[in-house]
């Protein structure tokens, strides 16, 4: 198989065992058979190039679950919670933090097993509800009585 694939220009062939696949996943942060990583200094240019690559890759027969993610150089948002305001609605900071964490970063809902491989199923809100400061500011947090202040 290695000989047959060596004729493809620019392709690096690696034959591996399931345990080494798991180690690779932990080291690289990639849980798929194929990943394309783009490196550079300008985050805007990286995003543009990554989206262009993803658009081309989506046209490949059999390509699934295509997404662009930033692994390093993440932006951050500092959120100050008005504790007095949330207390008036029967909420505490932990309630608000939990909603924000789940909405933006996601939380593991369950695990999916595929043979010997295990994947976390993570839930989070769509970009429209978490993709801007204004969207995050408008997140609804249910009060203990079920009301949404």
Foldseek 3Di string as FASTA:
>chain_A
DCVVPVVDPPDDDDDDDPVVLVVCCVVVVDNDPDDDDDDDDDPVVRVVVLVVVLVVVVPDPPDDPGDDDDDPPDDDDDDDDPQVVVVVLQDGPVQLVVLLCCAAVWDFPDWDDDPPDIHTDTHYHPCVQPVDPVSSVPDWGAHPVRDTD
